PDB file of N, CA and C in Angstrom:
ATOM      1  N   ALA A   1      -3.440   2.076  11.198  1.00  0.00           N
ATOM      2  CA  ALA A   1      -3.487   2.373  12.589  1.00  0.00           C
ATOM      3  C   ALA A   1      -2.398   3.397  12.968  1.00  0.00           C
ATOM      4  N   ALA A   2      -1.232   3.284  12.379  1.00  0.00           N
ATOM      5  CA  ALA A   2      -0.139   4.192  12.729  1.00  0.00           C
ATOM      6  C   ALA A   2      -0.467   5.637  12.409  1.00  0.00           C
ATOM      7  N   GLU A   3      -1.120   5.874  11.243  1.00  0.00           N
ATOM      8  CA  GLU A   3      -1.460   7.243  10.882  1.00  0.00           C
ATOM      9  C   GLU A   3      -2.548   7.767  11.822  1.00  0.00           C
ATOM     10  N   LEU A   4      -3.520   6.929  12.110  1.00  0.00           N
ATOM     11  CA  LEU A   4      -4.555   7.402  13.068  1.00  0.00           C
ATOM     12  C   LEU A   4      -3.930   7.710  14.428  1.00  0.00           C
ATOM     13  N   ARG A   5      -3.063   6.842  14.884  1.00  0.00           N
ATOM     14  CA  ARG A   5      -2.424   7.067  16.163  1.00  0.00           C
ATOM     15  C   ARG A   5      -1.608   8.358  16.157  1.00  0.00           C
ATOM     16  N   SER A   6      -0.921   8.643  15.055  1.00  0.00           N
ATOM     17  CA  SER A   6      -0.141   9.873  14.966  1.00  0.00           C
ATOM     18  C   SER A   6      -1.027  11.113  14.962  1.00  0.00           C
ATOM     19  N   MET A   7      -2.318  10.928  14.661  1.00  0.00           N
ATOM     20  CA  MET A   7      -3.285  12.013  14.698  1.00  0.00           C
ATOM     21  C   MET A   7      -3.935  12.129  16.072  1.00  0.00           C
ATOM     22  N   GLY A   8      -3.522  11.274  17.004  1.00  0.00           N
ATOM     23  CA  GLY A   8      -4.068  11.308  18.354  1.00  0.00           C
ATOM     24  C   GLY A   8      -5.346  10.503  18.520  1.00  0.00           C
ATOM     25  N   VAL A   9      -5.674   9.658  17.548  1.00  0.00           N
ATOM     26  CA  VAL A   9      -6.877   8.824  17.637  1.00  0.00           C
ATOM     27  C   VAL A   9      -6.498   7.526  18.356  1.00  0.00           C
ATOM     28  N   ALA A  10      -7.343   7.113  19.290  1.00  0.00           N
ATOM     29  CA  ALA A  10      -7.142   5.852  19.980  1.00  0.00           C
ATOM     30  C   ALA A  10      -7.427   4.693  19.048  1.00  0.00           C
ATOM     31  N   VAL A  11      -6.418   3.847  18.815  1.00  0.00           N
ATOM     32  CA  VAL A  11      -6.560   2.701  17.931  1.00  0.00           C
ATOM     33  C   VAL A  11      -5.889   1.489  18.570  1.00  0.00           C
ATOM     34  N   PRO A  12      -6.352   0.297  18.220  1.00  0.00           N
ATOM     35  CA  PRO A  12      -5.737  -0.916  18.760  1.00  0.00           C
ATOM     36  C   PRO A  12      -4.336  -1.111  18.132  1.00  0.00           C
ATOM     37  N   GLU A  13      -3.480  -1.839  18.817  1.00  0.00           N
ATOM     38  CA  GLU A  13      -2.188  -2.214  18.261  1.00  0.00           C
ATOM     39  C   GLU A  13      -2.438  -3.265  17.221  1.00  0.00           C
ATOM     40  N   VAL A  14      -1.812  -3.141  16.045  1.00  0.00           N
ATOM     41  CA  VAL A  14      -1.983  -4.101  14.985  1.00  0.00           C
ATOM     42  C   VAL A  14      -0.691  -4.886  14.838  1.00  0.00           C
ATOM     43  N   VAL A  15      -0.807  -6.216  14.852  1.00  0.00           N
ATOM     44  CA  VAL A  15       0.362  -7.061  14.729  1.00  0.00           C
ATOM     45  C   VAL A  15       0.115  -8.035  13.584  1.00  0.00           C
ATOM     46  N   ALA A  16       0.985  -8.036  12.581  1.00  0.00           N
ATOM     47  CA  ALA A  16       0.870  -8.966  11.468  1.00  0.00           C
ATOM     48  C   ALA A  16       1.866 -10.118  11.676  1.00  0.00           C
ATOM     49  N   ILE A  17       1.369 -11.319  11.590  1.00  0.00           N
ATOM     50  CA  ILE A  17       2.221 -12.479  11.802  1.00  0.00           C
ATOM     51  C   ILE A  17       2.332 -13.278  10.501  1.00  0.00           C
ATOM     52  N   GLU A  18       3.523 -13.534  10.108  1.00  0.00           N
ATOM     53  CA  GLU A  18       3.814 -14.321   8.903  1.00  0.00           C
ATOM     54  C   GLU A  18       4.503 -15.613   9.331  1.00  0.00           C
ATOM     55  N   ARG A  19       4.213 -16.680   8.662  1.00  0.00           N
ATOM     56  CA  ARG A  19       4.836 -17.956   9.007  1.00  0.00           C
ATOM     57  C   ARG A  19       6.331 -18.004   8.728  1.00  0.00           C
ATOM     58  N   SER A  20       6.740 -17.430   7.594  1.00  0.00           N
ATOM     59  CA  SER A  20       8.172 -17.513   7.243  1.00  0.00           C
ATOM     60  C   SER A  20       8.834 -16.142   7.103  1.00  0.00           C
ATOM     61  N   VAL A  21       8.373 -15.338   6.146  1.00  0.00           N
ATOM     62  CA  VAL A  21       8.970 -14.027   5.913  1.00  0.00           C
ATOM     63  C   VAL A  21       7.861 -12.987   5.661  1.00  0.00           C
ATOM     64  N   VAL A  22       8.195 -11.714   5.781  1.00  0.00           N
ATOM     65  CA  VAL A  22       7.217 -10.660   5.518  1.00  0.00           C
ATOM     66  C   VAL A  22       6.736 -10.750   4.072  1.00  0.00           C
ATOM     67  N   GLY A  23       5.440 -10.761   3.904  1.00  0.00           N
ATOM     68  CA  GLY A  23       4.862 -10.804   2.573  1.00  0.00           C
ATOM     69  C   GLY A  23       4.989 -12.180   1.898  1.00  0.00           C
ATOM     70  N   ALA A  24       5.089 -13.256   2.682  1.00  0.00           N
ATOM     71  CA  ALA A  24       5.342 -14.586   2.138  1.00  0.00           C
ATOM     72  C   ALA A  24       4.314 -15.007   1.083  1.00  0.00           C
ATOM     73  N   ASN A  25       3.037 -14.661   1.270  1.00  0.00           N
ATOM     74  CA  ASN A  25       2.021 -15.078   0.317  1.00  0.00           C
ATOM     75  C   ASN A  25       2.177 -14.397  -1.045  1.00  0.00           C
ATOM     76  N   TRP A  26       2.983 -13.360  -1.111  1.00  0.00           N
ATOM     77  CA  TRP A  26       3.216 -12.645  -2.368  1.00  0.00           C
ATOM     78  C   TRP A  26       4.515 -13.079  -3.023  1.00  0.00           C
ATOM     79  N   GLN A  27       5.246 -13.967  -2.387  1.00  0.00           N
ATOM     80  CA  GLN A  27       6.551 -14.368  -2.890  1.00  0.00           C
ATOM     81  C   GLN A  27       6.583 -15.886  -3.129  1.00  0.00           C
ATOM     82  N   ALA A  28       7.535 -16.364  -3.928  1.00  0.00           N
ATOM     83  CA  ALA A  28       7.647 -17.787  -4.201  1.00  0.00           C
ATOM     84  C   ALA A  28       7.840 -18.570  -2.929  1.00  0.00           C
ATOM     85  N   VAL A  29       8.566 -18.025  -1.950  1.00  0.00           N
ATOM     86  CA  VAL A  29       8.843 -18.767  -0.727  1.00  0.00           C
ATOM     87  C   VAL A  29       7.556 -19.127   0.048  1.00  0.00           C
ATOM     88  N   GLY A  30       6.473 -18.382  -0.178  1.00  0.00           N
ATOM     89  CA  GLY A  30       5.223 -18.653   0.511  1.00  0.00           C
ATOM     90  C   GLY A  30       4.455 -19.827  -0.077  1.00  0.00           C
ATOM     91  N   GLY A  31       4.780 -20.238  -1.267  1.00  0.00           N
ATOM     92  CA  GLY A  31       4.125 -21.393  -1.852  1.00  0.00           C
ATOM     93  C   GLY A  31       2.815 -21.109  -2.590  1.00  0.00           C
ATOM     94  N   TRP A  32       2.375 -19.849  -2.637  1.00  0.00           N
ATOM     95  CA  TRP A  32       1.126 -19.504  -3.295  1.00  0.00           C
ATOM     96  C   TRP A  32       1.356 -18.978  -4.692  1.00  0.00           C
ATOM     97  N   THR A  33       2.528 -18.520  -4.993  1.00  0.00           N
ATOM     98  CA  THR A  33       2.834 -17.923  -6.284  1.00  0.00           C
ATOM     99  C   THR A  33       4.300 -18.126  -6.560  1.00  0.00           C
ATOM    100  N   ASP A  34       4.681 -18.019  -7.784  1.00  0.00           N
ATOM    101  CA  ASP A  34       6.132 -18.042  -8.090  1.00  0.00           C
ATOM    102  C   ASP A  34       6.725 -16.639  -7.982  1.00  0.00           C
ATOM    103  N   GLY A  35       5.867 -15.691  -7.670  1.00  0.00           N
ATOM    104  CA  GLY A  35       6.314 -14.297  -7.517  1.00  0.00           C
ATOM    105  C   GLY A  35       6.497 -13.510  -8.794  1.00  0.00           C
ATOM    106  N   GLN A  36       6.301 -14.151  -9.940  1.00  0.00           N
ATOM    107  CA  GLN A  36       6.498 -13.492 -11.238  1.00  0.00           C
ATOM    108  C   GLN A  36       5.207 -13.066 -11.913  1.00  0.00           C
ATOM    109  N   HIS A  37       4.086 -13.532 -11.435  1.00  0.00           N
ATOM    110  CA  HIS A  37       2.783 -13.144 -12.054  1.00  0.00           C
ATOM    111  C   HIS A  37       2.502 -11.649 -11.776  1.00  0.00           C
ATOM    112  N   ARG A  38       1.833 -11.058 -12.695  1.00  0.00           N
ATOM    113  CA  ARG A  38       1.435  -9.631 -12.520  1.00  0.00           C
ATOM    114  C   ARG A  38       0.254  -9.570 -11.572  1.00  0.00           C
ATOM    115  N   LEU A  39       0.180  -8.505 -10.808  1.00  0.00           N
ATOM    116  CA  LEU A  39      -0.934  -8.302  -9.899  1.00  0.00           C
ATOM    117  C   LEU A  39      -2.212  -8.128 -10.713  1.00  0.00           C
ATOM    118  N   GLY A  40      -3.280  -8.681 -10.253  1.00  0.00           N
ATOM    119  CA  GLY A  40      -4.563  -8.569 -10.960  1.00  0.00           C
ATOM    120  C   GLY A  40      -5.323  -7.295 -10.614  1.00  0.00           C
ATOM    121  N   THR A  41      -4.987  -6.728  -9.478  1.00  0.00           N
ATOM    122  CA  THR A  41      -5.602  -5.473  -9.037  1.00  0.00           C
ATOM    123  C   THR A  41      -4.668  -4.337  -9.328  1.00  0.00           C
ATOM    124  N   SER A  42      -5.221  -3.223  -9.853  1.00  0.00           N
ATOM    125  CA  SER A  42      -4.397  -2.068 -10.156  1.00  0.00           C
ATOM    126  C   SER A  42      -3.643  -1.612  -8.886  1.00  0.00           C
ATOM    127  N   PRO A  43      -2.338  -1.307  -9.019  1.00  0.00           N
ATOM    128  CA  PRO A  43      -1.583  -0.857  -7.873  1.00  0.00           C
ATOM    129  C   PRO A  43      -2.086   0.475  -7.296  1.00  0.00           C
ATOM    130  N   GLU A  44      -2.855   1.233  -8.070  1.00  0.00           N
ATOM    131  CA  GLU A  44      -3.431   2.462  -7.518  1.00  0.00           C
ATOM    132  C   GLU A  44      -4.447   2.161  -6.450  1.00  0.00           C
ATOM    133  N   LYS A  45      -4.985   0.950  -6.430  1.00  0.00           N
ATOM    134  CA  LYS A  45      -5.931   0.550  -5.393  1.00  0.00           C
ATOM    135  C   LYS A  45      -5.145   0.009  -4.190  1.00  0.00           C
ATOM    136  N   ASP A  46      -4.346   0.922  -3.615  1.00  0.00           N
ATOM    137  CA  ASP A  46      -3.443   0.544  -2.549  1.00  0.00           C
ATOM    138  C   ASP A  46      -4.099   0.675  -1.203  1.00  0.00           C
ATOM    139  N   VAL A  47      -3.343   0.718  -0.179  1.00  0.00           N
ATOM    140  CA  VAL A  47      -3.842   0.691   1.227  1.00  0.00           C
ATOM    141  C   VAL A  47      -4.814   1.822   1.558  1.00  0.00           C
ATOM    142  N   GLY A  48      -4.695   2.952   0.914  1.00  0.00           N
ATOM    143  CA  GLY A  48      -5.588   4.063   1.248  1.00  0.00           C
ATOM    144  C   GLY A  48      -6.789   4.217   0.319  1.00  0.00           C
ATOM    145  N   PHE A  49      -6.799   3.437  -0.762  1.00  0.00           N
ATOM    146  CA  PHE A  49      -7.899   3.554  -1.754  1.00  0.00           C
ATOM    147  C   PHE A  49      -9.256   3.290  -1.059  1.00  0.00           C
ATOM    148  N   PRO A  50     -10.272   4.073  -1.339  1.00  0.00           N
ATOM    149  CA  PRO A  50     -10.410   5.140  -2.369  1.00  0.00           C
ATOM    150  C   PRO A  50     -10.153   6.539  -1.845  1.00  0.00           C
ATOM    151  N   TYR A  51      -9.475   6.655  -0.727  1.00  0.00           N
ATOM    152  CA  TYR A  51      -9.134   7.981  -0.148  1.00  0.00           C
ATOM    153  C   TYR A  51     -10.382   8.831   0.070  1.00  0.00           C
ATOM    154  N   ARG A  52     -11.350   8.236   0.750  1.00  0.00           N
ATOM    155  CA  ARG A  52     -12.570   8.926   1.162  1.00  0.00           C
ATOM    156  C   ARG A  52     -12.863   8.559   2.599  1.00  0.00           C
ATOM    157  N   SER A  53     -11.920   8.816   3.473  1.00  0.00           N
ATOM    158  CA  SER A  53     -12.034   8.402   4.881  1.00  0.00           C
ATOM    159  C   SER A  53     -13.262   9.049   5.540  1.00  0.00           C
ATOM    160  N   SER A  54     -13.782   8.302   6.507  1.00  0.00           N
ATOM    161  CA  SER A  54     -14.885   8.823   7.289  1.00  0.00           C
ATOM    162  C   SER A  54     -14.791   8.400   8.743  1.00  0.00           C
ATOM    163  N   LEU A  55     -13.536   8.235   9.199  1.00  0.00           N
ATOM    164  CA  LEU A  55     -13.291   7.764  10.554  1.00  0.00           C
ATOM    165  C   LEU A  55     -13.038   8.859  11.564  1.00  0.00           C
ATOM    166  N   VAL A  56     -12.588  10.040  11.094  1.00  0.00           N
ATOM    167  CA  VAL A  56     -12.160  11.086  11.988  1.00  0.00           C
ATOM    168  C   VAL A  56     -12.914  12.371  11.594  1.00  0.00           C
ATOM    169  N   PRO A  57     -14.047  12.650  12.245  1.00  0.00           N
ATOM    170  CA  PRO A  57     -14.847  13.847  11.894  1.00  0.00           C
ATOM    171  C   PRO A  57     -13.967  15.080  11.830  1.00  0.00           C
ATOM    172  N   ARG A  58     -14.110  15.873  10.807  1.00  0.00           N
ATOM    173  CA  ARG A  58     -13.457  17.141  10.553  1.00  0.00           C
ATOM    174  C   ARG A  58     -11.947  16.964  10.240  1.00  0.00           C
ATOM    175  N   ARG A  59     -11.455  15.704  10.186  1.00  0.00           N
ATOM    176  CA  ARG A  59     -10.029  15.482   9.914  1.00  0.00           C
ATOM    177  C   ARG A  59      -9.827  14.386   8.866  1.00  0.00           C
ATOM    178  N   ASN A  60     -10.892  14.002   8.145  1.00  0.00           N
ATOM    179  CA  ASN A  60     -10.799  12.940   7.200  1.00  0.00           C
ATOM    180  C   ASN A  60      -9.877  13.291   6.020  1.00  0.00           C
ATOM    181  N   ALA A  61      -9.884  14.526   5.592  1.00  0.00           N
ATOM    182  CA  ALA A  61      -8.981  14.918   4.494  1.00  0.00           C
ATOM    183  C   ALA A  61      -7.503  14.795   4.961  1.00  0.00           C
ATOM    184  N   GLU A  62      -7.269  15.131   6.175  1.00  0.00           N
ATOM    185  CA  GLU A  62      -5.920  14.946   6.731  1.00  0.00           C
ATOM    186  C   GLU A  62      -5.488  13.514   6.731  1.00  0.00           C
ATOM    187  N   LEU A  63      -6.410  12.641   7.146  1.00  0.00           N
ATOM    188  CA  LEU A  63      -6.119  11.190   7.157  1.00  0.00           C
ATOM    189  C   LEU A  63      -5.843  10.707   5.742  1.00  0.00           C
ATOM    190  N   ASP A  64      -6.635  11.120   4.777  1.00  0.00           N
ATOM    191  CA  ASP A  64      -6.417  10.737   3.383  1.00  0.00           C
ATOM    192  C   ASP A  64      -5.023  11.191   2.922  1.00  0.00           C
ATOM    193  N   GLU A  65      -4.673  12.404   3.235  1.00  0.00           N
ATOM    194  CA  GLU A  65      -3.335  12.953   2.850  1.00  0.00           C
ATOM    195  C   GLU A  65      -2.228  12.087   3.472  1.00  0.00           C
ATOM    196  N   ARG A  66      -2.398  11.743   4.733  1.00  0.00           N
ATOM    197  CA  ARG A  66      -1.384  10.957   5.405  1.00  0.00           C
ATOM    198  C   ARG A  66      -1.308   9.541   4.772  1.00  0.00           C
ATOM    199  N   MET A  67      -2.398   9.001   4.370  1.00  0.00           N
ATOM    200  CA  MET A  67      -2.394   7.668   3.767  1.00  0.00           C
ATOM    201  C   MET A  67      -1.723   7.701   2.368  1.00  0.00           C
ATOM    202  N   THR A  68      -1.752   8.833   1.709  1.00  0.00           N
ATOM    203  CA  THR A  68      -1.094   8.899   0.391  1.00  0.00           C
ATOM    204  C   THR A  68       0.422   8.687   0.519  1.00  0.00           C
ATOM    205  N   ARG A  69       0.955   8.925   1.709  1.00  0.00           N
ATOM    206  CA  ARG A  69       2.401   8.701   1.972  1.00  0.00           C
ATOM    207  C   ARG A  69       2.753   7.243   1.769  1.00  0.00           C
ATOM    208  N   HIS A  70       1.775   6.343   1.853  1.00  0.00           N
ATOM    209  CA  HIS A  70       1.999   4.894   1.755  1.00  0.00           C
ATOM    210  C   HIS A  70       1.511   4.353   0.417  1.00  0.00           C
ATOM    211  N   SER A  71       1.223   5.242  -0.519  1.00  0.00           N
ATOM    212  CA  SER A  71       0.639   4.822  -1.797  1.00  0.00           C
ATOM    213  C   SER A  71       1.660   4.287  -2.760  1.00  0.00           C
ATOM    214  N   TRP A  72       1.183   3.563  -3.756  1.00  0.00           N
ATOM    215  CA  TRP A  72       2.058   3.053  -4.836  1.00  0.00           C
ATOM    216  C   TRP A  72       2.764   4.222  -5.528  1.00  0.00           C
ATOM    217  N   GLN A  73       2.007   5.290  -5.831  1.00  0.00           N
ATOM    218  CA  GLN A  73       2.620   6.437  -6.516  1.00  0.00           C
ATOM    219  C   GLN A  73       3.703   7.077  -5.660  1.00  0.00           C
ATOM    220  N   SER A  74       3.480   7.181  -4.360  1.00  0.00           N
ATOM    221  CA  SER A  74       4.475   7.741  -3.483  1.00  0.00           C
ATOM    222  C   SER A  74       5.743   6.883  -3.468  1.00  0.00           C
ATOM    223  N   TYR A  75       5.553   5.578  -3.443  1.00  0.00           N
ATOM    224  CA  TYR A  75       6.718   4.681  -3.515  1.00  0.00           C
ATOM    225  C   TYR A  75       7.510   4.873  -4.781  1.00  0.00           C
ATOM    226  N   LEU A  76       6.790   4.971  -5.920  1.00  0.00           N
ATOM    227  CA  LEU A  76       7.475   5.146  -7.227  1.00  0.00           C
ATOM    228  C   LEU A  76       8.204   6.484  -7.287  1.00  0.00           C
ATOM    229  N   ILE A  77       7.617   7.521  -6.755  1.00  0.00           N
ATOM    230  CA  ILE A  77       8.250   8.828  -6.741  1.00  0.00           C
ATOM    231  C   ILE A  77       9.521   8.768  -5.875  1.00  0.00           C
ATOM    232  N   ALA A  78       9.436   8.195  -4.676  1.00  0.00           N
ATOM    233  CA  ALA A  78      10.583   8.081  -3.781  1.00  0.00           C
ATOM    234  C   ALA A  78      11.705   7.240  -4.366  1.00  0.00           C
ATOM    235  N   SER A  79      11.354   6.283  -5.186  1.00  0.00           N
ATOM    236  CA  SER A  79      12.386   5.400  -5.768  1.00  0.00           C
ATOM    237  C   SER A  79      12.751   5.788  -7.210  1.00  0.00           C
ATOM    238  N   ALA A  80      12.347   6.998  -7.620  1.00  0.00           N
ATOM    239  CA  ALA A  80      12.672   7.551  -8.943  1.00  0.00           C
ATOM    240  C   ALA A  80      12.216   6.661 -10.088  1.00  0.00           C
ATOM    241  N   GLN A  81      11.038   6.085  -9.945  1.00  0.00           N
ATOM    242  CA  GLN A  81      10.494   5.188 -10.982  1.00  0.00           C
ATOM    243  C   GLN A  81       9.173   5.669 -11.540  1.00  0.00           C
ATOM    244  N   PHE A  82       8.629   6.750 -11.028  1.00  0.00           N
ATOM    245  CA  PHE A  82       7.301   7.171 -11.385  1.00  0.00           C
ATOM    246  C   PHE A  82       7.133   7.506 -12.872  1.00  0.00           C
ATOM    247  N   ALA A  83       8.043   8.352 -13.377  1.00  0.00           N
ATOM    248  CA  ALA A  83       7.938   8.757 -14.796  1.00  0.00           C
ATOM    249  C   ALA A  83       8.046   7.551 -15.725  1.00  0.00           C
ATOM    250  N   GLU A  84       8.971   6.622 -15.460  1.00  0.00           N
ATOM    251  CA  GLU A  84       9.141   5.471 -16.296  1.00  0.00           C
ATOM    252  C   GLU A  84       7.859   4.600 -16.252  1.00  0.00           C
ATOM    253  N   TRP A  85       7.303   4.458 -15.049  1.00  0.00           N
ATOM    254  CA  TRP A  85       6.076   3.647 -14.912  1.00  0.00           C
ATOM    255  C   TRP A  85       4.959   4.267 -15.761  1.00  0.00           C
ATOM    256  N   ILE A  86       4.787   5.560 -15.719  1.00  0.00           N
ATOM    257  CA  ILE A  86       3.771   6.246 -16.523  1.00  0.00           C
ATOM    258  C   ILE A  86       4.070   6.065 -17.980  1.00  0.00           C
ATOM    259  N   ASP A  87       5.322   6.336 -18.382  1.00  0.00           N
ATOM    260  CA  ASP A  87       5.702   6.258 -19.781  1.00  0.00           C
ATOM    261  C   ASP A  87       5.567   4.855 -20.381  1.00  0.00           C
ATOM    262  N   ARG A  88       5.678   3.838 -19.545  1.00  0.00           N
ATOM    263  CA  ARG A  88       5.523   2.443 -19.990  1.00  0.00           C
ATOM    264  C   ARG A  88       4.089   1.967 -19.986  1.00  0.00           C
ATOM    265  N   GLY A  89       3.146   2.892 -19.677  1.00  0.00           N
ATOM    266  CA  GLY A  89       1.730   2.533 -19.728  1.00  0.00           C
ATOM    267  C   GLY A  89       1.178   1.965 -18.440  1.00  0.00           C
ATOM    268  N   ARG A  90       1.827   2.289 -17.335  1.00  0.00           N
ATOM    269  CA  ARG A  90       1.388   1.857 -15.970  1.00  0.00           C
ATOM    270  C   ARG A  90       1.285   0.341 -15.880  1.00  0.00           C
ATOM    271  N   PRO A  91       2.321  -0.418 -16.194  1.00  0.00           N
ATOM    272  CA  PRO A  91       2.254  -1.879 -16.120  1.00  0.00           C
ATOM    273  C   PRO A  91       2.036  -2.361 -14.697  1.00  0.00           C
ATOM    274  N   ALA A  92       1.276  -3.434 -14.608  1.00  0.00           N
ATOM    275  CA  ALA A  92       1.044  -4.009 -13.263  1.00  0.00           C
ATOM    276  C   ALA A  92       2.325  -4.600 -12.733  1.00  0.00           C
ATOM    277  N   PRO A  93       2.662  -4.347 -11.449  1.00  0.00           N
ATOM    278  CA  PRO A  93       3.845  -4.932 -10.911  1.00  0.00           C
ATOM    279  C   PRO A  93       3.690  -6.449 -10.673  1.00  0.00           C
ATOM    280  N   THR A  94       4.807  -7.126 -10.524  1.00  0.00           N
ATOM    281  CA  THR A  94       4.737  -8.535 -10.198  1.00  0.00           C
ATOM    282  C   THR A  94       4.551  -8.699  -8.691  1.00  0.00           C
ATOM    283  N   HIS A  95       4.270  -9.903  -8.253  1.00  0.00           N
ATOM    284  CA  HIS A  95       4.091 -10.173  -6.823  1.00  0.00           C
ATOM    285  C   HIS A  95       5.400 -10.046  -6.065  1.00  0.00           C
ATOM    286  N   SER A  96       6.537 -10.269  -6.712  1.00  0.00           N
ATOM    287  CA  SER A  96       7.794 -10.292  -5.960  1.00  0.00           C
ATOM    288  C   SER A  96       8.359  -8.919  -5.711  1.00  0.00           C
TER     289      SER A  96
END
């Protein structure tokens, strides 16, 4: 919603509510996992996947580009971990 809003598209406000902490269901504190298991879904299938937007006529490519800013690869690049992740065979991250 934030990227659409930044493009001038009218979108509803999105509020995520967690019982204890942000991302609790992905951490041991949430009681659903010990946080050490590997993700079953490839991290490349992140929030923007499959990057074929169809919500904003004539601006879908722009939306896809904006969504890549929130991608797993973008996170790894920003945290200087991308090359190591590739060299190690793209291991699935843990929940924690």
